[in-house]
C-alpha atoms as a PDB file:
ATOM      1  CA  MET A   1      81.321 125.483  74.069  1.00  0.00           C
ATOM      2  CA  TRP A   2      84.694 123.869  73.513  1.00  0.00           C
ATOM      3  CA  HIS A   3      85.512 121.728  70.527  1.00  0.00           C
ATOM      4  CA  LEU A   4      88.515 119.576  71.212  1.00  0.00           C
ATOM      5  CA  PRO A   5      90.249 117.535  68.560  1.00  0.00           C
ATOM      6  CA  SER A   6      89.906 113.827  69.096  1.00  0.00           C
ATOM      7  CA  SER A   7      90.498 110.586  67.285  1.00  0.00           C
ATOM      8  CA  LYS A   8      87.798 108.487  65.655  1.00  0.00           C
ATOM      9  CA  PRO A   9      85.456 106.753  68.095  1.00  0.00           C
ATOM     10  CA  LEU A  10      86.377 103.196  69.081  1.00  0.00           C
ATOM     11  CA  THR A  11      84.203 100.250  68.184  1.00  0.00           C
ATOM     12  CA  GLY A  12      83.003  98.023  71.007  1.00  0.00           C
ATOM     13  CA  LYS A  13      85.543  95.366  70.014  1.00  0.00           C
ATOM     14  CA  GLN A  14      88.405  97.897  69.974  1.00  0.00           C
ATOM     15  CA  TRP A  15      87.384  99.206  73.410  1.00  0.00           C
ATOM     16  CA  ILE A  16      87.275  95.691  74.906  1.00  0.00           C
ATOM     17  CA  GLU A  17      90.665  94.832  73.384  1.00  0.00           C
ATOM     18  CA  THR A  18      92.223  98.067  74.672  1.00  0.00           C
ATOM     19  CA  VAL A  19      90.919  97.620  78.223  1.00  0.00           C
ATOM     20  CA  ALA A  20      91.883  93.930  78.311  1.00  0.00           C
ATOM     21  CA  THR A  21      95.402  94.734  77.093  1.00  0.00           C
ATOM     22  CA  GLU A  22      95.819  97.455  79.719  1.00  0.00           C
ATOM     23  CA  LEU A  23      94.712  94.981  82.402  1.00  0.00           C
ATOM     24  CA  GLY A  24      97.120  92.349  81.082  1.00  0.00           C
ATOM     25  CA  ASN A  25      94.355  89.985  79.973  1.00  0.00           C
ATOM     26  CA  ASN A  26      93.601  88.245  76.705  1.00  0.00           C
ATOM     27  CA  PRO A  27      90.216  89.508  75.477  1.00  0.00           C
ATOM     28  CA  LYS A  28      87.590  86.823  74.959  1.00  0.00           C
ATOM     29  CA  ILE A  29      84.723  88.261  72.960  1.00  0.00           C
ATOM     30  CA  GLN A  30      81.498  86.339  72.376  1.00  0.00           C
ATOM     31  CA  LEU A  31      78.221  87.277  70.795  1.00  0.00           C
ATOM     32  CA  ALA A  32      75.191  86.711  73.023  1.00  0.00           C
ATOM     33  CA  THR A  33      72.452  84.908  71.120  1.00  0.00           C
ATOM     34  CA  LYS A  34      68.822  86.010  71.337  1.00  0.00           C
ATOM     35  CA  PRO A  35      67.778  83.113  73.623  1.00  0.00           C
ATOM     36  CA  VAL A  36      70.570  83.960  76.074  1.00  0.00           C
ATOM     37  CA  VAL A  37      69.568  87.624  76.141  1.00  0.00           C
ATOM     38  CA  LYS A  38      65.922  86.660  76.639  1.00  0.00           C
ATOM     39  CA  ILE A  39      66.784  84.377  79.581  1.00  0.00           C
ATOM     40  CA  ASN A  40      68.866  87.149  81.117  1.00  0.00           C
ATOM     41  CA  THR A  41      66.065  89.721  80.872  1.00  0.00           C
ATOM     42  CA  THR A  42      63.540  87.188  82.224  1.00  0.00           C
ATOM     43  CA  LEU A  43      65.712  86.459  85.275  1.00  0.00           C
ATOM     44  CA  LYS A  44      66.019  90.173  86.094  1.00  0.00           C
ATOM     45  CA  LYS A  45      62.261  90.565  86.549  1.00  0.00           C
END
């Protein structure tokens, strides 16, 4: 088993910002509320 040195893990926000920057976009982060998540899971059924 190999153990490679690495940096600290990225948070979700840091990952989104990094990917958006690499793609040349301005990241727009929003929190999904519980009702929105519930509607989304209901529509998938």
